[in-house]
Protein backbone atom coordinates (compact mmCIF):
# COMPACT_ATOMS: atom_id res chain seq x y z
CA MET A 1 -8.66 23.13 6.00
CA ARG A 2 -7.06 20.57 8.05
CA ASN A 3 -4.74 18.10 6.17
CA TRP A 4 -6.23 14.76 7.27
CA ASN A 5 -4.03 11.76 6.53
CA ARG A 6 -3.04 8.42 7.83
CA ARG A 7 0.13 9.62 9.58
CA ARG A 8 -1.85 12.29 11.47
CA PHE A 9 -4.54 9.95 12.79
CA LEU A 10 -2.22 7.03 13.65
CA THR A 11 0.34 9.26 15.39
CA ALA A 12 -2.39 10.09 17.90
CA ALA A 13 -4.19 6.74 18.09
CA GLY A 14 -2.11 4.07 16.41
CA GLY A 15 0.52 3.76 19.16
CA ALA A 16 -2.12 2.42 21.62
CA ALA A 17 -3.71 0.24 19.01
CA GLY A 18 -0.35 -1.27 17.99
CA ALA A 19 0.54 -1.85 21.60
CA ALA A 20 -2.91 -3.66 22.14
CA LEU A 21 -2.38 -5.82 19.13
CA ALA A 22 1.07 -6.73 20.07
CA ALA A 23 -0.01 -7.62 23.59
CA GLY A 24 -3.29 -9.59 22.97
CA ALA A 25 -4.28 -10.04 19.42
CA ALA A 26 -3.62 -13.36 17.69
CA PRO A 27 -1.27 -12.90 14.66
CA ALA A 28 -2.77 -13.20 11.18
CA HIS A 29 -2.36 -16.52 9.40
CA ALA A 30 0.35 -16.58 6.76
CA ALA A 31 -1.11 -16.63 3.35
CA PRO A 32 -0.43 -19.55 1.07
CA ARG A 33 2.21 -18.81 -1.66
CA ALA A 34 0.83 -16.96 -4.74
CA GLN A 35 -0.19 -19.22 -7.59
CA GLN A 36 2.55 -17.72 -9.68
CA ALA A 37 5.18 -18.52 -7.04
CA GLU A 38 5.04 -22.21 -7.64
CA ALA A 39 7.82 -22.30 -10.23
CA CYS A 40 10.37 -20.53 -8.06
CA ALA A 41 10.86 -19.32 -4.52
CA PRO A 42 9.54 -15.73 -3.81
CA LEU A 43 12.09 -13.06 -3.27
CA ARG A 44 12.10 -12.10 0.39
CA ILE A 45 11.73 -8.62 1.84
CA VAL A 46 11.59 -7.97 5.59
CA THR A 47 11.17 -4.44 6.98
CA GLY A 48 11.96 -3.82 10.58
CA GLU A 49 13.39 -1.25 12.98
CA GLU A 50 17.00 -2.56 12.73
CA ASP A 51 17.25 -4.48 9.53
CA PHE A 52 15.79 -4.01 6.02
CA VAL A 53 16.26 -7.24 3.97
CA CYS A 54 15.66 -7.16 0.30
CA PRO A 55 17.20 -8.61 -2.92
CA SER A 56 19.61 -6.49 -4.95
CA THR A 57 18.54 -8.15 -8.23
CA ALA A 58 15.33 -9.65 -9.64
CA PRO A 59 14.35 -11.53 -12.86
CA PRO A 60 12.36 -9.68 -15.49
CA GLY A 61 8.56 -9.89 -15.89
CA ALA A 62 6.37 -11.23 -13.08
CA SER A 63 8.51 -11.63 -10.02
CA VAL A 64 6.98 -12.63 -6.73
CA PHE A 65 8.14 -11.03 -3.49
CA ARG A 66 7.28 -12.26 -0.07
CA VAL A 67 6.82 -9.27 2.30
CA THR A 68 6.89 -9.27 6.15
CA ALA A 69 7.35 -6.66 8.90
CA THR A 70 8.91 -7.20 12.34
CA SER A 71 7.81 -3.95 13.90
CA PHE A 72 4.70 -1.79 14.08
CA LYS A 73 6.93 1.13 13.10
CA THR A 74 7.42 -0.41 9.72
CA GLY A 75 5.12 -2.17 7.26
CA PHE A 76 4.36 0.17 4.29
CA LEU A 77 6.72 -1.39 1.69
CA GLY A 78 6.93 0.46 -1.60
CA LEU A 79 8.37 -0.24 -5.01
CA VAL A 80 9.20 2.68 -7.34
CA ARG A 81 11.20 3.67 -10.51
CA LEU A 82 12.71 7.04 -10.87
CA ARG A 83 11.97 8.83 -14.06
CA ASP A 84 14.84 9.86 -16.40
CA GLY A 85 16.75 12.78 -15.12
CA HIS A 86 15.50 12.58 -11.49
CA GLU A 87 17.66 11.79 -8.42
CA GLU A 88 16.94 9.68 -5.36
CA GLY A 89 17.72 12.42 -2.99
CA ALA A 90 14.94 14.68 -4.58
CA PHE A 91 12.54 11.84 -4.36
CA ARG A 92 13.20 11.28 -0.68
CA GLU A 93 12.67 14.98 -0.04
CA LEU A 94 9.31 14.86 -1.80
CA LEU A 95 8.18 11.99 0.38
CA TYR A 96 9.14 14.09 3.55
CA ALA A 97 7.23 17.04 2.09
CA LEU A 98 4.11 14.95 1.39
CA PHE A 99 3.93 13.25 4.75
CA SER A 100 4.64 16.45 6.66
CA ALA A 101 2.23 18.58 4.66
CA ARG A 102 -0.05 20.84 6.77
CA THR A 103 -2.17 22.39 4.09
CA PRO A 104 -4.13 21.05 1.11
CA GLN A 105 -1.91 22.97 -1.26
CA GLU A 106 1.26 21.50 0.24
CA THR A 107 -0.21 18.03 -0.27
CA ILE A 108 -1.15 18.73 -3.84
CA GLU A 109 2.21 20.19 -4.72
CA ALA A 110 4.09 17.21 -3.20
CA THR A 111 1.82 14.76 -4.92
CA ARG A 112 2.33 16.40 -8.28
CA GLY A 113 6.03 16.42 -7.65
CA LEU A 114 6.01 12.66 -7.01
CA MET A 115 4.12 12.05 -10.13
CA ASP A 116 6.76 13.95 -12.13
CA THR A 117 9.72 12.18 -10.38
CA ALA A 118 8.87 8.59 -10.21
CA GLU A 119 6.64 5.71 -11.36
CA LEU A 120 4.94 4.10 -8.34
CA TYR A 121 4.55 0.33 -8.58
CA GLY A 122 2.54 -0.14 -5.32
CA GLY A 123 3.89 -2.52 -2.63
CA ALA A 124 2.50 -4.16 0.45
CA ALA A 125 0.91 -2.94 3.72
CA VAL A 126 1.80 -5.52 6.38
CA HIS A 127 2.23 -5.83 10.17
CA PRO A 128 3.83 -8.20 12.58
CA GLY A 129 2.41 -11.59 12.06
CA ALA A 130 1.11 -10.94 8.54
CA VAL A 131 2.70 -12.32 5.35
CA SER A 132 1.79 -10.74 1.95
CA TYR A 133 3.07 -11.52 -1.58
CA ILE A 134 3.18 -8.96 -4.43
CA THR A 135 3.79 -9.60 -8.03
CA PRO A 136 4.81 -6.61 -10.10
CA VAL A 137 5.75 -7.00 -13.80
CA LEU A 138 9.21 -5.37 -14.05
CA GLU A 139 11.03 -4.11 -17.13
CA PRO A 140 14.80 -4.04 -17.17
CA GLY A 141 16.36 -1.21 -15.14
CA SER A 142 16.78 0.11 -11.61
CA TYR A 143 14.11 0.40 -8.97
CA LEU A 144 13.92 1.60 -5.32
CA VAL A 145 12.45 -0.60 -2.63
CA LEU A 146 11.53 1.51 0.42
CA GLU A 147 9.83 1.73 3.70
CA TYR A 148 7.22 4.62 3.42
CA ARG A 149 6.84 4.88 7.26
CA ASP A 150 10.51 6.06 7.44
CA PHE A 151 9.21 9.30 5.97
CA GLN A 152 6.04 9.59 8.18
CA GLY A 153 7.53 11.08 11.41
CA PRO A 154 6.48 9.49 14.68
CA LEU A 155 4.46 6.76 12.97
CA GLY A 156 7.79 5.26 11.78
CA ARG A 157 11.32 4.72 13.03
CA GLU A 158 12.23 8.43 12.53
CA PRO A 159 15.74 7.65 11.10
CA GLU A 160 18.36 10.36 10.43
CA ARG A 161 18.02 11.94 6.89
CA GLY A 162 19.73 9.71 4.45
CA GLN A 163 19.35 6.63 6.68
CA GLU A 164 15.85 5.62 5.59
CA HIS A 165 15.15 2.10 4.53
CA VAL A 166 15.77 2.45 0.77
CA ARG A 167 17.52 -0.05 -1.37
CA THR A 168 18.24 -0.41 -5.09
CA LEU A 169 16.83 -3.33 -7.06
CA THR A 170 18.27 -4.08 -10.50
CA VAL A 171 16.41 -5.96 -13.21
CA THR A 172 18.69 -6.78 -16.10
CA GLU A 173 17.43 -9.63 -18.29
CA PRO A 174 14.97 -8.92 -21.19
CA VAL A 175 11.22 -9.36 -20.35
CA THR A 176 9.55 -12.24 -22.14
CA GLY A 177 5.89 -12.63 -22.90
CA THR A 178 5.77 -15.88 -20.93
CA ALA A 179 7.13 -14.23 -17.78
CA ALA A 180 4.72 -11.31 -17.87
CA ALA A 181 1.74 -13.77 -18.47
CA ALA A 182 2.64 -15.75 -15.35
CA ALA A 183 1.11 -13.09 -13.14
CA THR A 184 -2.42 -13.54 -14.40
CA GLY A 185 -5.01 -15.84 -12.97
CA SER A 186 -6.24 -13.82 -9.77
CA ALA A 187 -9.79 -14.51 -8.78
CA ALA A 188 -10.75 -10.83 -8.26
CA THR A 189 -9.66 -7.35 -9.57
CA LEU A 190 -10.06 -4.22 -7.53
CA THR A 191 -9.99 -1.28 -9.92
CA THR A 192 -9.98 2.45 -9.15
CA ARG A 193 -12.07 4.20 -11.81
CA GLU A 194 -13.29 7.75 -12.51
CA THR A 195 -17.02 8.16 -12.08
CA ALA A 196 -19.37 11.18 -12.09
CA GLU A 197 -18.98 11.35 -8.25
CA GLY A 198 -15.10 11.01 -8.43
CA PRO A 199 -12.76 8.06 -8.09
CA ARG A 200 -14.36 4.83 -6.82
CA PHE A 201 -13.41 1.23 -6.23
CA GLU A 202 -14.84 -1.38 -8.58
CA LEU A 203 -14.60 -5.18 -7.64
CA HIS A 204 -14.90 -7.80 -10.21
CA GLY A 205 -14.85 -11.42 -9.10
CA GLN A 206 -14.96 -12.90 -5.65
CA PRO A 207 -11.90 -12.54 -3.33
CA GLY A 208 -11.00 -15.67 -1.56
CA ALA A 209 -9.14 -16.01 1.74
CA GLY A 210 -5.36 -15.86 0.97
CA SER A 211 -5.90 -15.63 -2.77
CA PRO A 212 -4.36 -13.05 -5.22
CA VAL A 213 -6.21 -9.87 -5.92
CA ARG A 214 -5.14 -7.60 -8.91
CA CYS A 215 -5.16 -3.89 -7.94
CA VAL A 216 -5.54 -1.56 -10.97
CA ASN A 217 -5.21 2.28 -10.88
CA LYS A 218 -7.30 3.77 -13.86
CA VAL A 219 -7.52 7.34 -12.50
CA THR A 220 -5.18 10.28 -13.34
CA GLN A 221 -3.34 10.43 -10.11
CA PRO A 222 -1.46 8.03 -7.85
CA ASP A 223 -3.87 5.92 -5.71
CA GLU A 224 -3.72 3.06 -3.25
CA ALA A 225 -5.93 0.28 -1.89
CA ILE A 226 -5.36 -0.11 1.85
CA ILE A 227 -7.45 -3.12 3.14
CA TYR A 228 -8.79 -3.37 6.69
CA ARG A 229 -10.90 -6.00 8.43
CA VAL A 230 -14.34 -4.95 9.32
CA PRO A 231 -15.13 -7.15 12.41
CA ASP A 232 -18.61 -5.60 13.13
CA ASP A 233 -21.26 -6.80 10.66
CA SER A 234 -23.46 -3.76 11.31
CA VAL A 235 -20.78 -1.32 9.87
CA THR A 236 -22.07 0.39 6.72
CA GLU A 237 -20.42 2.40 3.88
CA GLU A 238 -21.98 5.42 5.57
CA ASP A 239 -20.11 4.69 8.81
CA VAL A 240 -16.80 4.42 6.88
CA HIS A 241 -17.63 7.73 5.04
CA ALA A 242 -18.39 9.45 8.40
CA PHE A 243 -15.03 8.43 9.80
CA PHE A 244 -13.00 9.81 6.91
CA ASN A 245 -15.00 13.07 7.14
CA SER A 246 -14.55 13.42 10.78
CA ASP A 247 -11.84 15.05 12.78
CA MET A 248 -10.31 11.66 13.26
CA SER A 249 -11.34 11.57 16.96
CA MET A 250 -13.88 8.90 16.53
CA THR A 251 -13.16 5.18 16.73
CA PRO A 252 -12.42 3.71 13.36
CA PRO A 253 -15.25 1.27 12.22
CA PHE A 254 -12.56 -1.11 10.93
CA SER A 255 -9.30 -2.69 12.29
CA ILE A 256 -7.00 0.37 11.47
CA GLU A 257 -4.07 -1.25 13.43
CA ALA A 258 -3.69 -4.20 10.95
CA PRO A 259 -3.52 -2.73 7.49
CA LEU A 260 -3.07 -4.87 4.37
CA GLY A 261 -3.28 -3.98 0.62
CA THR A 262 -0.95 -1.78 -1.45
CA PRO A 263 0.48 1.74 -1.06
CA PRO A 264 0.15 4.07 -4.03
CA ILE A 265 0.33 2.88 -7.77
CA SER A 266 0.80 5.44 -10.48
CA PRO A 267 -1.98 6.08 -13.13
CA GLY A 268 -2.27 3.12 -15.50
CA GLY A 269 -0.32 0.71 -13.18
CA ASP A 270 -1.42 -2.48 -11.63
CA LEU A 271 -0.21 -5.08 -9.06
CA TRP A 272 -1.05 -8.58 -7.88
CA VAL A 273 -1.33 -8.72 -4.04
CA THR A 274 -1.85 -11.92 -2.05
CA MET A 275 -2.80 -11.02 1.57
CA PRO A 276 -3.43 -13.07 4.67
CA THR A 277 -7.17 -12.55 4.56
CA GLU A 278 -9.69 -14.67 6.24
CA PRO A 279 -13.37 -15.17 5.55
CA GLY A 280 -15.29 -12.12 6.56
CA ARG A 281 -15.86 -8.44 5.65
CA TYR A 282 -13.16 -6.01 4.70
CA VAL A 283 -13.01 -2.34 3.45
CA ALA A 284 -10.82 -0.90 0.77
CA ALA A 285 -9.93 2.74 1.29
CA SER A 286 -7.43 5.34 0.01
CA TRP A 287 -5.59 7.96 2.23
CA VAL A 288 -4.01 9.44 -0.85
CA GLY A 289 -4.71 13.24 -1.04
CA SER A 290 -6.94 14.30 -3.83
CA LEU A 291 -5.38 16.68 -6.24
CA GLU A 292 -8.53 18.74 -6.13
CA ASP A 293 -8.38 19.63 -2.44
CA GLY A 294 -5.69 17.59 -0.67
CA ARG A 295 -8.20 15.63 1.38
CA PRO A 296 -7.98 11.75 1.35
CA MET A 297 -9.73 10.17 -1.47
CA ALA A 298 -11.80 8.15 0.99
CA ALA A 299 -13.15 11.41 2.34
CA HIS A 300 -14.61 11.92 -1.17
CA GLY A 301 -16.22 8.47 -1.15
CA GLN A 302 -13.44 6.15 -2.37
CA HIS A 303 -14.08 3.28 -0.09
CA LEU A 304 -15.65 -0.10 -0.50
CA ILE A 305 -16.85 -2.82 1.79
CA PHE A 306 -16.58 -6.35 0.33
CA HIS A 307 -16.70 -9.94 1.43
CA VAL A 308 -13.90 -12.49 1.41
CA THR A 309 -14.98 -16.13 1.07
CA ALA A 310 -13.39 -19.31 2.35
């Protein structure tokens, strides 16, 4: 069975799409600052081909990060925390194994290895011209801030081993209840839940343009919520499902060249994401390989079309 994943599809098709977007598409409007960012300036993260700018320290609790990308070869920002007894080098090798997997079993084994090695806090999918804000709630300790595309072969920068965009972020002060509570107040919550048909997205509340969305993972494996604009009002859930169950040669029924949302979050985790969305239709989808057969969760039906209001 072919190991379908985002890297495999975009390596073939994404270069042309990215070039077209860079040449002719209008950049997305920057989102307003997250509500919880009003008390202090967001911490800045910039991921690009030459530079990777991120803070070395952060306050405890609900810290707001402003995330941008300066290249189409970057833009899948991740935040992780290694579990006790595990090394950064082993984590990097597991990422390479996951994104280079050629069989379902390889995908499943690499995913299980990542679950054992690190807690995934999500992150931000961005592209040049887009600004997103993320608000994780952080306990004291050391974290890694990384560019996932550095591990995805031709889709990313293809750096030398050991030269990937990975930095250490240290949180040192005690967490207070007030700081953790500051992240609440999003208008909508996008939750991954187990159902009789398998993991599915469930949306509560109405997402507004540029407003925070809380992403929650309530399934038993890492999962993500990658958000794409659906410019054609005639596109249905069936069209999205057909794409994820195709050989990836068909034209995507959504704007695959301009991803938003969050990369994988570990089971039980959540993250607030403020994206530069505009009024219209969007789809949430997960490219994460299922632990059952290695195929993307979206191929099993984990995708959801929703509306963003003004």
